[in-house]
Amino acid sequence: MSYSWEPQWIRKKFKISEGLEIETCYDSSTGLLLCPLCVDISKICPSYTEPTSIIPENAPYFFSIEDVIYHMKTHSRVESKKLYVEIEEEEETEEEETEE
């Protein structure tokens, strides 16, 4: 009996709504999915037919496309907060320059 995991990553498209698709890596042996924002899918699963057995480090794995979508939404929230902070800092700098 073996306790190791050898994934069989293939690239797969999932249609989530009219005109909107997510392309990510799908492990045909376990059904796991990767977040395409966390992992470079062109390195992990470059082909739609030829599986690869690369195990990505520090990558989140998901059981359903709904889980991947929810996770991807958290990316946009985090990135928008960072953008807001950066804009706020730039405004303060501009205000200081106009006062001088």
C-alpha atoms as a PDB file:
ATOM      1  CA  MET A   1       0.000   0.000   0.000  1.00  0.00           C
ATOM      2  CA  SER A   2       1.358   3.389  -0.940  1.00  0.00           C
ATOM      3  CA  TYR A   3       0.995   6.607   1.024  1.00  0.00           C
ATOM      4  CA  SER A   4       2.331   8.953  -1.639  1.00  0.00           C
ATOM      5  CA  TRP A   5       0.341  11.142  -3.971  1.00  0.00           C
ATOM      6  CA  GLU A   6       1.208  11.516  -7.616  1.00  0.00           C
ATOM      7  CA  PRO A   7      -1.161  14.076  -9.119  1.00  0.00           C
ATOM      8  CA  GLN A   8      -2.277  13.969 -12.726  1.00  0.00           C
ATOM      9  CA  TRP A   9      -2.776  17.677 -13.471  1.00  0.00           C
ATOM     10  CA  ILE A  10      -4.523  18.612 -16.685  1.00  0.00           C
ATOM     11  CA  ARG A  11      -5.754  22.032 -17.767  1.00  0.00           C
ATOM     12  CA  LYS A  12      -9.514  22.348 -17.689  1.00  0.00           C
ATOM     13  CA  LYS A  13     -12.048  25.120 -18.339  1.00  0.00           C
ATOM     14  CA  PHE A  14     -15.088  25.528 -16.116  1.00  0.00           C
ATOM     15  CA  LYS A  15     -18.058  27.578 -17.314  1.00  0.00           C
ATOM     16  CA  ILE A  16     -19.368  29.487 -14.313  1.00  0.00           C
ATOM     17  CA  SER A  17     -21.888  31.786 -16.006  1.00  0.00           C
ATOM     18  CA  GLU A  18     -22.884  33.082 -19.420  1.00  0.00           C
ATOM     19  CA  GLY A  19     -19.665  34.068 -21.157  1.00  0.00           C
ATOM     20  CA  LEU A  20     -17.474  33.604 -18.067  1.00  0.00           C
ATOM     21  CA  GLU A  21     -15.034  30.716 -17.740  1.00  0.00           C
ATOM     22  CA  ILE A  22     -12.264  29.823 -15.314  1.00  0.00           C
ATOM     23  CA  GLU A  23      -9.276  27.898 -16.609  1.00  0.00           C
ATOM     24  CA  THR A  24      -7.312  26.032 -13.980  1.00  0.00           C
ATOM     25  CA  CYS A  25      -5.494  22.808 -13.151  1.00  0.00           C
ATOM     26  CA  TYR A  26      -7.577  19.730 -12.364  1.00  0.00           C
ATOM     27  CA  ASP A  27      -6.132  16.570 -10.812  1.00  0.00           C
ATOM     28  CA  SER A  28      -7.811  13.672 -12.583  1.00  0.00           C
ATOM     29  CA  SER A  29      -6.752  11.211  -9.847  1.00  0.00           C
ATOM     30  CA  THR A  30      -8.289  13.058  -6.860  1.00  0.00           C
ATOM     31  CA  GLY A  31     -10.546  15.732  -8.388  1.00  0.00           C
ATOM     32  CA  LEU A  32      -8.620  18.554  -6.696  1.00  0.00           C
ATOM     33  CA  LEU A  33      -8.423  22.029  -8.241  1.00  0.00           C
ATOM     34  CA  LEU A  34      -5.852  24.832  -7.984  1.00  0.00           C
ATOM     35  CA  CYS A  35      -6.420  28.571  -7.781  1.00  0.00           C
ATOM     36  CA  PRO A  36      -5.203  30.104 -11.070  1.00  0.00           C
ATOM     37  CA  LEU A  37      -4.296  33.314  -9.228  1.00  0.00           C
ATOM     38  CA  CYS A  38      -2.080  31.587  -6.639  1.00  0.00           C
ATOM     39  CA  VAL A  39      -0.302  29.215  -9.041  1.00  0.00           C
ATOM     40  CA  ASP A  40       1.134  29.654 -12.510  1.00  0.00           C
ATOM     41  CA  ILE A  41      -1.043  27.108 -14.283  1.00  0.00           C
ATOM     42  CA  SER A  42       1.036  27.258 -17.457  1.00  0.00           C
ATOM     43  CA  LYS A  43       3.873  25.604 -15.492  1.00  0.00           C
ATOM     44  CA  ILE A  44       1.794  23.131 -13.497  1.00  0.00           C
ATOM     45  CA  CYS A  45      -0.567  21.974 -16.259  1.00  0.00           C
ATOM     46  CA  PRO A  46       0.412  23.250 -19.702  1.00  0.00           C
ATOM     47  CA  SER A  47      -1.678  20.694 -21.599  1.00  0.00           C
ATOM     48  CA  TYR A  48      -5.369  19.804 -21.851  1.00  0.00           C
ATOM     49  CA  THR A  49      -4.542  16.153 -22.566  1.00  0.00           C
ATOM     50  CA  GLU A  50      -1.060  15.254 -21.261  1.00  0.00           C
ATOM     51  CA  PRO A  51      -1.064  15.101 -17.431  1.00  0.00           C
ATOM     52  CA  THR A  52       1.840  16.341 -15.324  1.00  0.00           C
ATOM     53  CA  SER A  53       2.783  15.187 -11.817  1.00  0.00           C
ATOM     54  CA  ILE A  54       4.189  18.426 -10.381  1.00  0.00           C
ATOM     55  CA  ILE A  55       3.249  19.076  -6.755  1.00  0.00           C
ATOM     56  CA  PRO A  56       3.114  22.852  -6.237  1.00  0.00           C
ATOM     57  CA  GLU A  57       4.489  24.175  -2.956  1.00  0.00           C
ATOM     58  CA  ASN A  58       2.343  26.380  -0.696  1.00  0.00           C
ATOM     59  CA  ALA A  59      -0.653  26.150  -3.014  1.00  0.00           C
ATOM     60  CA  PRO A  60      -4.233  25.881  -1.793  1.00  0.00           C
ATOM     61  CA  TYR A  61      -6.197  22.895  -3.083  1.00  0.00           C
ATOM     62  CA  PHE A  62      -9.971  22.917  -3.585  1.00  0.00           C
ATOM     63  CA  PHE A  63     -12.640  20.250  -3.931  1.00  0.00           C
ATOM     64  CA  SER A  64     -15.102  22.193  -6.100  1.00  0.00           C
ATOM     65  CA  ILE A  65     -15.140  25.038  -8.582  1.00  0.00           C
ATOM     66  CA  GLU A  66     -17.425  26.945  -6.188  1.00  0.00           C
ATOM     67  CA  ASP A  67     -14.643  26.838  -3.585  1.00  0.00           C
ATOM     68  CA  VAL A  68     -12.157  28.179  -6.156  1.00  0.00           C
ATOM     69  CA  ILE A  69     -14.537  31.018  -7.103  1.00  0.00           C
ATOM     70  CA  TYR A  70     -15.049  31.979  -3.446  1.00  0.00           C
ATOM     71  CA  HIS A  71     -11.283  31.932  -2.894  1.00  0.00           C
ATOM     72  CA  MET A  72     -10.696  34.072  -6.000  1.00  0.00           C
ATOM     73  CA  LYS A  73     -13.175  36.640  -4.664  1.00  0.00           C
ATOM     74  CA  THR A  74     -11.051  36.983  -1.534  1.00  0.00           C
ATOM     75  CA  HIS A  75      -8.103  37.851  -3.788  1.00  0.00           C
ATOM     76  CA  SER A  76      -9.969  40.854  -5.176  1.00  0.00           C
ATOM     77  CA  ARG A  77     -10.915  42.059  -1.684  1.00  0.00           C
ATOM     78  CA  VAL A  78      -7.323  41.909  -0.466  1.00  0.00           C
ATOM     79  CA  GLU A  79      -5.967  43.591  -3.603  1.00  0.00           C
ATOM     80  CA  SER A  80      -8.553  46.386  -3.445  1.00  0.00           C
ATOM     81  CA  LYS A  81      -7.630  47.110   0.170  1.00  0.00           C
ATOM     82  CA  LYS A  82      -3.972  47.360  -0.787  1.00  0.00           C
ATOM     83  CA  LEU A  83      -4.847  49.671  -3.654  1.00  0.00           C
ATOM     84  CA  TYR A  84      -6.905  51.862  -1.330  1.00  0.00           C
ATOM     85  CA  VAL A  85      -3.994  52.205   1.082  1.00  0.00           C
ATOM     86  CA  GLU A  86      -1.603  53.113  -1.735  1.00  0.00           C
ATOM     87  CA  ILE A  87      -3.963  55.783  -3.091  1.00  0.00           C
ATOM     88  CA  GLU A  88      -4.425  57.236   0.378  1.00  0.00           C
ATOM     89  CA  GLU A  89      -0.661  57.591   0.856  1.00  0.00           C
ATOM     90  CA  GLU A  90      -0.255  59.301  -2.525  1.00  0.00           C
ATOM     91  CA  GLU A  91      -2.958  61.855  -1.699  1.00  0.00           C
ATOM     92  CA  GLU A  92      -1.205  62.808   1.543  1.00  0.00           C
ATOM     93  CA  THR A  93       2.055  63.398  -0.326  1.00  0.00           C
ATOM     94  CA  GLU A  94       0.322  65.639  -2.883  1.00  0.00           C
ATOM     95  CA  GLU A  95      -1.325  67.686  -0.106  1.00  0.00           C
ATOM     96  CA  GLU A  96       2.033  68.276   1.587  1.00  0.00           C
ATOM     97  CA  GLU A  97       3.583  69.505  -1.678  1.00  0.00           C
ATOM     98  CA  THR A  98       0.782  72.020  -2.297  1.00  0.00           C
ATOM     99  CA  GLU A  99       1.056  73.453   1.243  1.00  0.00           C
ATOM    100  CA  GLU A 100       4.775  74.197   0.868  1.00  0.00           C
END
